[in-house]
Amino acid sequence: MFRYLCIVLTLALNATYAHATVISGEIMQQNGSGKFVKLDTDEPFSVGNDTFDDENLYAFDEDQNILLEEPIRVDIGGEEGVIPAGVVVASHYVFFDSLRGIHIGYVDFDSAILGVAAFQDTMAATDFLANTSVDYISIDLRGLERGDYVWIDKDDPYRLWVYWAGSSPGDYIRVFTAKSEGAYM
């Protein structure tokens, strides 16, 4: 009986920590045959100017469950465009690095979305929340271009929608969610 309880407890603990902060995603419509891909930051990779060049929608987790010592400005969400100091946030990176075409899709998170950094200045100001082995290249080209849209689903605050016209160098944003119960501390 003791062995059985240990196995059940081990499975329960592993299930808790296996729960990812980026849960899933999907491309609903596009000119191509891409899919959603969650990248594993345990293996180093580069992200930026044409490092992927495909039709996939990508996301990965950056620093998790960080207590903000200072407020951060966001382009979408927040209280009047700000996530205040004293809030615990999890950071995530979402991008298309496609060759061409229109892409409509979504990414789901395990916590409510608090805000999105969608332009160069807000992304640069929040780079301190990256803390991964990812090599961020061409950071001056990040953000969204005219005609690209991102919005938090009004009926599901855990879902972020993207409507992006992909081309070189791609579209890159940073998403801030509330404390993730599934992330390692």
C-alpha atoms as a PDB file:
ATOM      1  CA  MET A   1       0.000   0.000   0.000  1.00  0.00           C
ATOM      2  CA  PHE A   2       2.814   2.410   0.893  1.00  0.00           C
ATOM      3  CA  ARG A   3       4.468   1.806  -2.482  1.00  0.00           C
ATOM      4  CA  TYR A   4       1.146   2.480  -4.259  1.00  0.00           C
ATOM      5  CA  LEU A   5       0.726   5.793  -2.374  1.00  0.00           C
ATOM      6  CA  CYS A   6       4.288   6.827  -3.281  1.00  0.00           C
ATOM      7  CA  ILE A   7       3.631   6.138  -6.962  1.00  0.00           C
ATOM      8  CA  VAL A   8       0.361   8.115  -6.902  1.00  0.00           C
ATOM      9  CA  LEU A   9       2.052  11.014  -5.096  1.00  0.00           C
ATOM     10  CA  THR A  10       4.956  11.002  -7.565  1.00  0.00           C
ATOM     11  CA  LEU A  11       2.562  11.045 -10.531  1.00  0.00           C
ATOM     12  CA  ALA A  12       0.570  13.892  -8.990  1.00  0.00           C
ATOM     13  CA  LEU A  13       3.685  15.971  -8.364  1.00  0.00           C
ATOM     14  CA  ASN A  14       5.005  15.320 -11.854  1.00  0.00           C
ATOM     15  CA  ALA A  15       1.656  16.260 -13.372  1.00  0.00           C
ATOM     16  CA  THR A  16       1.744  19.560 -11.479  1.00  0.00           C
ATOM     17  CA  TYR A  17       5.172  20.479 -12.803  1.00  0.00           C
ATOM     18  CA  ALA A  18       4.573  19.099 -16.284  1.00  0.00           C
ATOM     19  CA  HIS A  19       1.744  21.602 -16.743  1.00  0.00           C
ATOM     20  CA  ALA A  20       3.315  24.139 -19.062  1.00  0.00           C
ATOM     21  CA  THR A  21       2.709  27.877 -18.922  1.00  0.00           C
ATOM     22  CA  VAL A  22       2.155  28.043 -22.667  1.00  0.00           C
ATOM     23  CA  ILE A  23      -0.543  25.392 -22.959  1.00  0.00           C
ATOM     24  CA  SER A  24      -1.288  25.194 -26.666  1.00  0.00           C
ATOM     25  CA  GLY A  25      -2.072  27.134 -29.778  1.00  0.00           C
ATOM     26  CA  GLU A  26      -3.460  26.778 -33.241  1.00  0.00           C
ATOM     27  CA  ILE A  27      -3.355  28.436 -36.626  1.00  0.00           C
ATOM     28  CA  MET A  28      -6.949  28.929 -37.704  1.00  0.00           C
ATOM     29  CA  GLN A  29      -6.277  30.325 -41.164  1.00  0.00           C
ATOM     30  CA  GLN A  30      -3.200  31.044 -43.258  1.00  0.00           C
ATOM     31  CA  ASN A  31      -1.669  30.938 -46.707  1.00  0.00           C
ATOM     32  CA  GLY A  32       0.358  27.812 -46.042  1.00  0.00           C
ATOM     33  CA  SER A  33       0.503  24.716 -43.922  1.00  0.00           C
ATOM     34  CA  GLY A  34       2.009  25.880 -40.638  1.00  0.00           C
ATOM     35  CA  LYS A  35       1.147  24.651 -37.160  1.00  0.00           C
ATOM     36  CA  PHE A  36       1.597  25.792 -33.570  1.00  0.00           C
ATOM     37  CA  VAL A  37       4.952  24.871 -31.975  1.00  0.00           C
ATOM     38  CA  LYS A  38       5.942  25.350 -28.340  1.00  0.00           C
ATOM     39  CA  LEU A  39       9.722  25.629 -28.169  1.00  0.00           C
ATOM     40  CA  ASP A  40      11.735  24.091 -25.336  1.00  0.00           C
ATOM     41  CA  THR A  41      14.220  26.587 -23.886  1.00  0.00           C
ATOM     42  CA  ASP A  42      16.277  23.811 -22.258  1.00  0.00           C
ATOM     43  CA  GLU A  43      18.021  23.521 -25.632  1.00  0.00           C
ATOM     44  CA  PRO A  44      19.661  26.778 -26.811  1.00  0.00           C
ATOM     45  CA  PHE A  45      18.407  28.332 -30.048  1.00  0.00           C
ATOM     46  CA  SER A  46      18.342  31.726 -31.757  1.00  0.00           C
ATOM     47  CA  VAL A  47      15.223  33.727 -32.468  1.00  0.00           C
ATOM     48  CA  GLY A  48      15.065  36.791 -34.669  1.00  0.00           C
ATOM     49  CA  ASN A  49      15.688  37.922 -38.195  1.00  0.00           C
ATOM     50  CA  ASP A  50      14.892  34.891 -40.402  1.00  0.00           C
ATOM     51  CA  THR A  51      16.191  32.131 -38.113  1.00  0.00           C
ATOM     52  CA  PHE A  52      13.094  29.982 -38.710  1.00  0.00           C
ATOM     53  CA  ASP A  53      11.671  31.133 -42.089  1.00  0.00           C
ATOM     54  CA  ASP A  54       8.621  28.858 -42.037  1.00  0.00           C
ATOM     55  CA  GLU A  55       4.843  29.064 -41.612  1.00  0.00           C
ATOM     56  CA  ASN A  56       4.590  28.005 -37.958  1.00  0.00           C
ATOM     57  CA  LEU A  57       3.299  29.991 -35.004  1.00  0.00           C
ATOM     58  CA  TYR A  58       5.845  29.683 -32.165  1.00  0.00           C
ATOM     59  CA  ALA A  59       5.780  30.371 -28.442  1.00  0.00           C
ATOM     60  CA  PHE A  60       8.115  29.733 -25.534  1.00  0.00           C
ATOM     61  CA  ASP A  61       8.271  30.535 -21.861  1.00  0.00           C
ATOM     62  CA  GLU A  62      10.704  33.106 -20.560  1.00  0.00           C
ATOM     63  CA  ASP A  63      11.195  33.986 -16.880  1.00  0.00           C
ATOM     64  CA  GLN A  64       8.371  32.738 -14.662  1.00  0.00           C
ATOM     65  CA  ASN A  65       6.705  34.055 -11.526  1.00  0.00           C
ATOM     66  CA  ILE A  66       8.760  37.205 -11.065  1.00  0.00           C
ATOM     67  CA  LEU A  67       7.670  39.845  -8.582  1.00  0.00           C
ATOM     68  CA  LEU A  68       7.816  43.181 -10.410  1.00  0.00           C
ATOM     69  CA  GLU A  69       9.846  45.654  -8.387  1.00  0.00           C
ATOM     70  CA  GLU A  70       8.934  48.449 -10.820  1.00  0.00           C
ATOM     71  CA  PRO A  71       5.867  48.851 -13.026  1.00  0.00           C
ATOM     72  CA  ILE A  72       6.173  47.834 -16.686  1.00  0.00           C
ATOM     73  CA  ARG A  73       4.467  49.489 -19.616  1.00  0.00           C
ATOM     74  CA  VAL A  74       2.507  47.333 -22.068  1.00  0.00           C
ATOM     75  CA  ASP A  75       0.914  48.100 -25.430  1.00  0.00           C
ATOM     76  CA  ILE A  76      -2.160  45.911 -24.875  1.00  0.00           C
ATOM     77  CA  GLY A  77      -3.858  45.234 -21.548  1.00  0.00           C
ATOM     78  CA  GLY A  78      -2.684  46.305 -18.136  1.00  0.00           C
ATOM     79  CA  GLU A  79      -4.317  49.010 -16.096  1.00  0.00           C
ATOM     80  CA  GLU A  80      -4.116  52.014 -18.422  1.00  0.00           C
ATOM     81  CA  GLY A  81      -1.192  50.356 -20.250  1.00  0.00           C
ATOM     82  CA  VAL A  82       0.774  49.471 -17.103  1.00  0.00           C
ATOM     83  CA  ILE A  83       1.296  46.334 -15.042  1.00  0.00           C
ATOM     84  CA  PRO A  84       2.030  47.762 -11.585  1.00  0.00           C
ATOM     85  CA  ALA A  85       4.911  46.996  -9.247  1.00  0.00           C
ATOM     86  CA  GLY A  86       4.134  44.269  -6.738  1.00  0.00           C
ATOM     87  CA  VAL A  87       2.453  41.967  -9.282  1.00  0.00           C
ATOM     88  CA  VAL A  88       3.866  38.485  -9.947  1.00  0.00           C
ATOM     89  CA  VAL A  89       4.154  37.852 -13.710  1.00  0.00           C
ATOM     90  CA  ALA A  90       5.238  35.085 -16.046  1.00  0.00           C
ATOM     91  CA  SER A  91       6.809  36.126 -19.359  1.00  0.00           C
ATOM     92  CA  HIS A  92       6.347  34.391 -22.730  1.00  0.00           C
ATOM     93  CA  TYR A  93       7.570  35.075 -26.286  1.00  0.00           C
ATOM     94  CA  VAL A  94       5.246  34.535 -29.269  1.00  0.00           C
ATOM     95  CA  PHE A  95       6.299  34.889 -32.910  1.00  0.00           C
ATOM     96  CA  PHE A  96       5.911  34.138 -36.599  1.00  0.00           C
ATOM     97  CA  ASP A  97       9.095  34.089 -38.655  1.00  0.00           C
ATOM     98  CA  SER A  98       7.401  33.369 -41.943  1.00  0.00           C
ATOM     99  CA  LEU A  99       8.272  34.119 -45.519  1.00  0.00           C
ATOM    100  CA  ARG A 100       4.947  35.652 -46.545  1.00  0.00           C
ATOM    101  CA  GLY A 101       1.202  35.457 -46.111  1.00  0.00           C
ATOM    102  CA  ILE A 102      -1.533  36.174 -43.579  1.00  0.00           C
ATOM    103  CA  HIS A 103      -1.704  34.145 -40.375  1.00  0.00           C
ATOM    104  CA  ILE A 104      -4.635  34.035 -37.949  1.00  0.00           C
ATOM    105  CA  GLY A 105      -4.265  31.955 -34.810  1.00  0.00           C
ATOM    106  CA  TYR A 106      -4.152  31.873 -31.044  1.00  0.00           C
ATOM    107  CA  VAL A 107      -1.992  30.833 -28.083  1.00  0.00           C
ATOM    108  CA  ASP A 108      -3.437  29.606 -24.784  1.00  0.00           C
ATOM    109  CA  PHE A 109      -1.737  30.099 -21.409  1.00  0.00           C
ATOM    110  CA  ASP A 110      -2.327  28.517 -17.997  1.00  0.00           C
ATOM    111  CA  SER A 111      -2.874  31.936 -16.390  1.00  0.00           C
ATOM    112  CA  ALA A 112      -4.787  35.055 -17.374  1.00  0.00           C
ATOM    113  CA  ILE A 113      -3.012  37.453 -19.718  1.00  0.00           C
ATOM    114  CA  LEU A 114      -2.148  40.721 -17.982  1.00  0.00           C
ATOM    115  CA  GLY A 115      -0.606  42.548 -20.935  1.00  0.00           C
ATOM    116  CA  VAL A 116       1.391  42.391 -24.151  1.00  0.00           C
ATOM    117  CA  ALA A 117       4.556  44.211 -25.228  1.00  0.00           C
ATOM    118  CA  ALA A 118       4.006  44.530 -28.975  1.00  0.00           C
ATOM    119  CA  PHE A 119       6.463  47.239 -30.037  1.00  0.00           C
ATOM    120  CA  GLN A 120      10.216  47.706 -29.942  1.00  0.00           C
ATOM    121  CA  ASP A 121      10.367  50.094 -26.984  1.00  0.00           C
ATOM    122  CA  THR A 122       8.162  48.036 -24.654  1.00  0.00           C
ATOM    123  CA  MET A 123       9.925  44.824 -25.634  1.00  0.00           C
ATOM    124  CA  ALA A 124      13.354  46.328 -24.996  1.00  0.00           C
ATOM    125  CA  ALA A 125      12.215  47.678 -21.619  1.00  0.00           C
ATOM    126  CA  THR A 126      11.077  44.180 -20.572  1.00  0.00           C
ATOM    127  CA  ASP A 127      14.073  42.170 -21.799  1.00  0.00           C
ATOM    128  CA  PHE A 128      15.066  41.688 -18.151  1.00  0.00           C
ATOM    129  CA  LEU A 129      12.227  39.130 -18.005  1.00  0.00           C
ATOM    130  CA  ALA A 130      13.737  36.875 -20.697  1.00  0.00           C
ATOM    131  CA  ASN A 131      16.271  34.851 -18.633  1.00  0.00           C
ATOM    132  CA  THR A 132      16.545  31.875 -20.984  1.00  0.00           C
ATOM    133  CA  SER A 133      19.344  30.300 -23.014  1.00  0.00           C
ATOM    134  CA  VAL A 134      17.724  31.770 -26.141  1.00  0.00           C
ATOM    135  CA  ASP A 135      19.867  34.065 -28.293  1.00  0.00           C
ATOM    136  CA  TYR A 136      17.694  37.052 -29.257  1.00  0.00           C
ATOM    137  CA  ILE A 137      19.065  38.480 -32.501  1.00  0.00           C
ATOM    138  CA  SER A 138      18.005  41.532 -34.519  1.00  0.00           C
ATOM    139  CA  ILE A 139      16.210  42.888 -31.452  1.00  0.00           C
ATOM    140  CA  ASP A 140      15.803  46.263 -33.140  1.00  0.00           C
ATOM    141  CA  LEU A 141      13.389  44.589 -35.593  1.00  0.00           C
ATOM    142  CA  ARG A 142      11.031  43.087 -32.992  1.00  0.00           C
ATOM    143  CA  GLY A 143       7.421  44.035 -32.522  1.00  0.00           C
ATOM    144  CA  LEU A 144       4.487  44.346 -34.864  1.00  0.00           C
ATOM    145  CA  GLU A 145       4.216  46.217 -38.119  1.00  0.00           C
ATOM    146  CA  ARG A 146       1.314  48.226 -39.488  1.00  0.00           C
ATOM    147  CA  GLY A 147      -1.600  45.900 -40.276  1.00  0.00           C
ATOM    148  CA  ASP A 148      -0.644  43.329 -37.617  1.00  0.00           C
ATOM    149  CA  TYR A 149      -3.047  42.820 -34.704  1.00  0.00           C
ATOM    150  CA  VAL A 150      -2.937  41.076 -31.339  1.00  0.00           C
ATOM    151  CA  TRP A 151      -5.788  40.921 -28.843  1.00  0.00           C
ATOM    152  CA  ILE A 152      -6.761  39.201 -25.636  1.00  0.00           C
ATOM    153  CA  ASP A 153      -9.938  37.157 -26.082  1.00  0.00           C
ATOM    154  CA  LYS A 154     -12.711  39.085 -24.286  1.00  0.00           C
ATOM    155  CA  ASP A 155     -14.446  35.818 -23.286  1.00  0.00           C
ATOM    156  CA  ASP A 156     -11.289  33.891 -22.381  1.00  0.00           C
ATOM    157  CA  PRO A 157      -8.493  35.935 -20.726  1.00  0.00           C
ATOM    158  CA  TYR A 158      -6.145  32.933 -21.085  1.00  0.00           C
ATOM    159  CA  ARG A 159      -6.197  33.167 -24.913  1.00  0.00           C
ATOM    160  CA  LEU A 160      -4.216  35.554 -27.101  1.00  0.00           C
ATOM    161  CA  TRP A 161      -5.266  36.007 -30.737  1.00  0.00           C
ATOM    162  CA  VAL A 162      -2.875  37.053 -33.514  1.00  0.00           C
ATOM    163  CA  TYR A 163      -3.584  38.365 -37.005  1.00  0.00           C
ATOM    164  CA  TRP A 164      -0.193  38.791 -38.634  1.00  0.00           C
ATOM    165  CA  ALA A 165       0.999  39.403 -42.152  1.00  0.00           C
ATOM    166  CA  GLY A 166       4.272  37.521 -42.124  1.00  0.00           C
ATOM    167  CA  SER A 167       7.400  38.513 -43.974  1.00  0.00           C
ATOM    168  CA  SER A 168      11.044  39.068 -43.183  1.00  0.00           C
ATOM    169  CA  PRO A 169      12.085  39.574 -40.380  1.00  0.00           C
ATOM    170  CA  GLY A 170       8.867  38.269 -38.760  1.00  0.00           C
ATOM    171  CA  ASP A 171       6.566  39.371 -35.939  1.00  0.00           C
ATOM    172  CA  TYR A 172       7.630  39.096 -32.291  1.00  0.00           C
ATOM    173  CA  ILE A 173       5.799  39.966 -29.066  1.00  0.00           C
ATOM    174  CA  ARG A 174       6.163  39.367 -25.317  1.00  0.00           C
ATOM    175  CA  VAL A 175       3.115  38.242 -23.324  1.00  0.00           C
ATOM    176  CA  PHE A 176       2.780  38.691 -19.562  1.00  0.00           C
ATOM    177  CA  THR A 177       0.473  36.403 -17.636  1.00  0.00           C
ATOM    178  CA  ALA A 178      -0.490  36.217 -13.994  1.00  0.00           C
ATOM    179  CA  LYS A 179       1.447  33.907 -11.708  1.00  0.00           C
ATOM    180  CA  SER A 180       1.694  30.456 -13.266  1.00  0.00           C
ATOM    181  CA  GLU A 181       0.816  27.661 -10.874  1.00  0.00           C
ATOM    182  CA  GLY A 182       2.346  25.171 -13.346  1.00  0.00           C
ATOM    183  CA  ALA A 183       5.793  26.768 -13.593  1.00  0.00           C
ATOM    184  CA  TYR A 184       8.825  25.890 -11.562  1.00  0.00           C
ATOM    185  CA  MET A 185       9.637  28.572  -9.052  1.00  0.00           C
END
